[in-house]
C-alpha atoms as a PDB file:
ATOM      1  CA  MET A   1     207.582-170.821  73.138  1.00  0.00           C
ATOM      2  CA  PRO A   2     209.735-171.628  76.164  1.00  0.00           C
ATOM      3  CA  VAL A   3     213.308-172.647  75.517  1.00  0.00           C
ATOM      4  CA  PRO A   4     214.216-175.981  77.084  1.00  0.00           C
ATOM      5  CA  SER A   5     216.433-175.196  80.008  1.00  0.00           C
ATOM      6  CA  ALA A   6     219.590-176.953  80.917  1.00  0.00           C
ATOM      7  CA  LYS A   7     219.520-179.279  83.871  1.00  0.00           C
ATOM      8  CA  LYS A   8     218.745-177.250  86.995  1.00  0.00           C
ATOM      9  CA  GLU A   9     221.462-177.082  89.600  1.00  0.00           C
ATOM     10  CA  LYS A  10     220.447-178.794  92.787  1.00  0.00           C
ATOM     11  CA  LYS A  11     221.585-177.541  96.150  1.00  0.00           C
ATOM     12  CA  ASN A  12     222.141-179.418  99.361  1.00  0.00           C
ATOM     13  CA  THR A  13     220.402-178.668 102.632  1.00  0.00           C
ATOM     14  CA  ASN A  14     222.695-175.763 103.526  1.00  0.00           C
ATOM     15  CA  GLY A  15     221.984-174.036 100.212  1.00  0.00           C
ATOM     16  CA  MET A  16     225.420-174.584  98.703  1.00  0.00           C
ATOM     17  CA  LEU A  17     226.376-176.656  95.724  1.00  0.00           C
ATOM     18  CA  PRO A  18     228.383-179.698  96.787  1.00  0.00           C
ATOM     19  CA  LEU A  19     232.019-179.900  95.785  1.00  0.00           C
ATOM     20  CA  LYS A  20     233.311-183.147  94.412  1.00  0.00           C
ATOM     21  CA  PRO A  21     236.509-184.253  96.169  1.00  0.00           C
ATOM     22  CA  SER A  22     239.392-184.811  93.771  1.00  0.00           C
ATOM     23  CA  PRO A  23     240.563-188.352  93.091  1.00  0.00           C
ATOM     24  CA  ALA A  24     244.008-187.354  94.396  1.00  0.00           C
ATOM     25  CA  PHE A  25     242.575-186.254  97.750  1.00  0.00           C
ATOM     26  CA  ILE A  26     240.407-189.362  98.018  1.00  0.00           C
ATOM     27  CA  GLY A  27     243.382-191.590  97.225  1.00  0.00           C
ATOM     28  CA  ALA A  28     245.713-189.741  99.572  1.00  0.00           C
ATOM     29  CA  SER A  29     243.182-189.959 102.414  1.00  0.00           C
ATOM     30  CA  TRP A  30     242.723-193.704 101.988  1.00  0.00           C
ATOM     31  CA  PHE A  31     246.479-194.215 101.638  1.00  0.00           C
ATOM     32  CA  VAL A  32     247.211-192.310 104.841  1.00  0.00           C
ATOM     33  CA  LEU A  33     244.484-194.190 106.723  1.00  0.00           C
ATOM     34  CA  ILE A  34     245.897-197.542 105.629  1.00  0.00           C
ATOM     35  CA  VAL A  35     249.485-196.504 106.391  1.00  0.00           C
ATOM     36  CA  GLY A  36     248.528-195.256 109.862  1.00  0.00           C
ATOM     37  CA  MET A  37     246.465-198.305 110.788  1.00  0.00           C
ATOM     38  CA  VAL A  38     248.870-200.865 109.344  1.00  0.00           C
ATOM     39  CA  SER A  39     251.892-199.175 110.937  1.00  0.00           C
ATOM     40  CA  TYR A  40     250.165-199.099 114.326  1.00  0.00           C
ATOM     41  CA  CYS A  41     249.187-202.784 114.008  1.00  0.00           C
ATOM     42  CA  ILE A  42     252.635-203.880 112.825  1.00  0.00           C
ATOM     43  CA  GLY A  43     254.114-202.028 115.780  1.00  0.00           C
ATOM     44  CA  LEU A  44     251.758-203.900 118.099  1.00  0.00           C
ATOM     45  CA  TRP A  45     252.509-207.226 116.441  1.00  0.00           C
ATOM     46  CA  ASN A  46     256.254-206.757 116.906  1.00  0.00           C
ATOM     47  CA  ALA A  47     256.048-205.197 120.373  1.00  0.00           C
ATOM     48  CA  GLU A  48     257.461-207.029 123.345  1.00  0.00           C
ATOM     49  CA  MET A  49     254.395-206.669 125.535  1.00  0.00           C
ATOM     50  CA  GLN A  50     251.794-209.013 126.914  1.00  0.00           C
ATOM     51  CA  LEU A  51     248.851-209.994 124.758  1.00  0.00           C
ATOM     52  CA  ASN A  52     246.397-208.122 127.000  1.00  0.00           C
ATOM     53  CA  GLU A  53     248.410-204.911 126.480  1.00  0.00           C
ATOM     54  CA  LYS A  54     248.333-205.427 122.734  1.00  0.00           C
ATOM     55  CA  GLY A  55     244.579-205.938 122.951  1.00  0.00           C
ATOM     56  CA  TYR A  56     244.234-202.723 124.954  1.00  0.00           C
ATOM     57  CA  TYR A  57     246.073-200.645 122.359  1.00  0.00           C
ATOM     58  CA  PHE A  58     244.262-202.318 119.454  1.00  0.00           C
ATOM     59  CA  THR A  59     240.875-201.679 121.075  1.00  0.00           C
ATOM     60  CA  ILE A  60     241.799-198.032 121.628  1.00  0.00           C
ATOM     61  CA  LEU A  61     242.596-197.733 117.909  1.00  0.00           C
ATOM     62  CA  LEU A  62     239.204-199.173 116.928  1.00  0.00           C
ATOM     63  CA  PHE A  63     237.411-197.050 119.537  1.00  0.00           C
ATOM     64  CA  GLY A  64     239.211-193.920 118.371  1.00  0.00           C
ATOM     65  CA  LEU A  65     238.470-194.541 114.680  1.00  0.00           C
ATOM     66  CA  PHE A  66     234.790-195.104 115.343  1.00  0.00           C
ATOM     67  CA  SER A  67     234.498-192.075 117.615  1.00  0.00           C
ATOM     68  CA  VAL A  68     236.121-189.583 115.223  1.00  0.00           C
ATOM     69  CA  ILE A  69     233.917-190.789 112.368  1.00  0.00           C
ATOM     70  CA  SER A  70     230.923-190.287 114.647  1.00  0.00           C
ATOM     71  CA  VAL A  71     232.065-186.763 115.547  1.00  0.00           C
ATOM     72  CA  GLN A  72     232.628-185.897 111.884  1.00  0.00           C
ATOM     73  CA  LYS A  73     229.183-187.176 110.962  1.00  0.00           C
ATOM     74  CA  SER A  74     227.370-185.369 113.750  1.00  0.00           C
ATOM     75  CA  VAL A  75     229.217-182.082 113.124  1.00  0.00           C
ATOM     76  CA  ARG A  76     228.448-182.333 109.408  1.00  0.00           C
ATOM     77  CA  ASP A  77     224.804-183.197 110.076  1.00  0.00           C
ATOM     78  CA  LYS A  78     224.455-180.133 112.296  1.00  0.00           C
ATOM     79  CA  LEU A  79     226.039-177.887 109.650  1.00  0.00           C
ATOM     80  CA  GLU A  80     223.624-179.205 107.032  1.00  0.00           C
ATOM     81  CA  GLY A  81     220.621-178.684 109.257  1.00  0.00           C
ATOM     82  CA  LEU A  82     219.948-182.368 109.867  1.00  0.00           C
ATOM     83  CA  PRO A  83     218.690-183.257 113.343  1.00  0.00           C
ATOM     84  CA  VAL A  84     221.355-184.445 115.784  1.00  0.00           C
ATOM     85  CA  THR A  85     220.546-184.981 119.422  1.00  0.00           C
ATOM     86  CA  GLU A  86     222.793-183.196 121.879  1.00  0.00           C
ATOM     87  CA  MET A  87     223.245-186.494 123.707  1.00  0.00           C
ATOM     88  CA  TYR A  88     224.694-188.206 120.626  1.00  0.00           C
ATOM     89  CA  TYR A  89     226.809-185.174 119.766  1.00  0.00           C
ATOM     90  CA  GLY A  90     228.187-185.020 123.315  1.00  0.00           C
ATOM     91  CA  LEU A  91     228.805-188.765 123.490  1.00  0.00           C
ATOM     92  CA  SER A  92     230.690-188.630 120.197  1.00  0.00           C
ATOM     93  CA  TRP A  93     233.007-185.958 121.529  1.00  0.00           C
ATOM     94  CA  PHE A  94     233.348-187.757 124.868  1.00  0.00           C
ATOM     95  CA  ALA A  95     234.327-190.997 123.118  1.00  0.00           C
ATOM     96  CA  THR A  96     236.915-189.204 120.990  1.00  0.00           C
ATOM     97  CA  ILE A  97     238.480-187.480 123.984  1.00  0.00           C
ATOM     98  CA  ALA A  98     238.316-190.709 126.004  1.00  0.00           C
ATOM     99  CA  SER A  99     240.192-192.636 123.300  1.00  0.00           C
ATOM    100  CA  LEU A 100     242.940-190.005 123.285  1.00  0.00           C
ATOM    101  CA  VAL A 101     243.163-189.942 127.084  1.00  0.00           C
ATOM    102  CA  LEU A 102     243.247-193.746 127.273  1.00  0.00           C
ATOM    103  CA  LEU A 103     246.088-193.859 124.752  1.00  0.00           C
ATOM    104  CA  VAL A 104     248.070-191.175 126.599  1.00  0.00           C
ATOM    105  CA  VAL A 105     247.551-192.849 129.985  1.00  0.00           C
ATOM    106  CA  GLY A 106     248.463-196.250 128.541  1.00  0.00           C
ATOM    107  CA  LEU A 107     251.612-194.948 126.898  1.00  0.00           C
ATOM    108  CA  TRP A 108     252.574-192.877 129.930  1.00  0.00           C
ATOM    109  CA  ASN A 109     252.528-195.985 132.122  1.00  0.00           C
ATOM    110  CA  ALA A 110     253.937-198.399 129.523  1.00  0.00           C
ATOM    111  CA  ASP A 111     257.406-199.827 129.816  1.00  0.00           C
ATOM    112  CA  LEU A 112     258.413-198.721 126.324  1.00  0.00           C
ATOM    113  CA  TRP A 113     261.171-196.647 124.826  1.00  0.00           C
ATOM    114  CA  LEU A 114     260.229-193.017 124.316  1.00  0.00           C
ATOM    115  CA  SER A 115     260.599-193.522 120.559  1.00  0.00           C
ATOM    116  CA  GLU A 116     258.079-196.380 120.687  1.00  0.00           C
ATOM    117  CA  LYS A 117     255.634-194.237 122.623  1.00  0.00           C
ATOM    118  CA  GLY A 118     256.031-191.491 120.032  1.00  0.00           C
ATOM    119  CA  PHE A 119     255.506-193.996 117.223  1.00  0.00           C
ATOM    120  CA  TYR A 120     252.216-195.206 118.699  1.00  0.00           C
ATOM    121  CA  GLY A 121     251.053-191.680 119.399  1.00  0.00           C
ATOM    122  CA  MET A 122     251.832-190.463 115.886  1.00  0.00           C
ATOM    123  CA  SER A 123     250.417-193.474 114.036  1.00  0.00           C
ATOM    124  CA  PHE A 124     247.266-193.254 116.182  1.00  0.00           C
ATOM    125  CA  THR A 125     246.871-189.539 115.442  1.00  0.00           C
ATOM    126  CA  LEU A 126     247.551-190.115 111.746  1.00  0.00           C
ATOM    127  CA  SER A 127     244.899-192.831 111.640  1.00  0.00           C
ATOM    128  CA  LEU A 128     242.272-190.688 113.379  1.00  0.00           C
ATOM    129  CA  PHE A 129     242.856-187.697 111.121  1.00  0.00           C
ATOM    130  CA  ALA A 130     242.799-189.885 108.020  1.00  0.00           C
ATOM    131  CA  ALA A 131     239.539-191.527 109.144  1.00  0.00           C
ATOM    132  CA  ILE A 132     237.957-188.082 109.361  1.00  0.00           C
ATOM    133  CA  SER A 133     239.197-187.246 105.854  1.00  0.00           C
ATOM    134  CA  VAL A 134     237.953-190.536 104.400  1.00  0.00           C
ATOM    135  CA  GLN A 135     234.535-190.042 106.026  1.00  0.00           C
ATOM    136  CA  LYS A 136     234.326-186.473 104.711  1.00  0.00           C
ATOM    137  CA  ASN A 137     235.329-187.529 101.192  1.00  0.00           C
ATOM    138  CA  THR A 138     232.878-190.416 101.199  1.00  0.00           C
ATOM    139  CA  ARG A 139     230.039-188.167 102.281  1.00  0.00           C
ATOM    140  CA  ASP A 140     230.976-185.357  99.870  1.00  0.00           C
ATOM    141  CA  LEU A 141     231.187-187.774  96.936  1.00  0.00           C
ATOM    142  CA  LYS A 142     227.847-189.392  97.772  1.00  0.00           C
ATOM    143  CA  GLN A 143     226.188-185.992  98.150  1.00  0.00           C
ATOM    144  CA  PHE A 144     227.733-184.733  94.912  1.00  0.00           C
ATOM    145  CA  GLU A 145     226.494-187.803  93.015  1.00  0.00           C
ATOM    146  CA  GLU A 146     222.980-187.541  94.480  1.00  0.00           C
ATOM    147  CA  LEU A 147     222.597-183.845  93.719  1.00  0.00           C
ATOM    148  CA  THR A 148     224.095-183.872  90.245  1.00  0.00           C
ATOM    149  CA  ASN A 149     222.251-186.927  88.892  1.00  0.00           C
END
C-alpha cells in the first residue's frame, strides 16, 4: 500500500525553488523607495526654479522608475525562460539609460548649487535602485505563493 506523500515541491520555470523574500527586506525596499521619491519631490517643491524645470525633473523621475522596472522584468523573464522580444528588451535598456542621461544633462546645465545637484542625483539613483528591489520582491513573493500553495 502506497504511503501518502507529503506535498510535492513545485519548481519555477528555471528549475529552482523560489525563495521567499524576508519581511525585513521587503520593508526596507519599500522604505527606501518612499524616502528616495519623497526626498526628490520635496527638493523639487522647495527648489527655486521655474515650474517647467520642476516638471522636467519630475517627469524624468517617473520615466526612470518605469524604465528600471521594465528592465528588471524583462531580465527576469529572460532568466526564467519566458519569451521577451529583443525590441522590448532593448527599448527598456534604452529608456533607462536615456533617463539617466537626461538627468545628468539637466543637472549639468542647471543653475543650482553643486550640493543640490548631488542631492537630486543621489535621491534619483536611490529611487531607481529601490524600485528594482521592490519589483524583485513583489515578483519573488508572488512566485513563492503560487508555487507553494
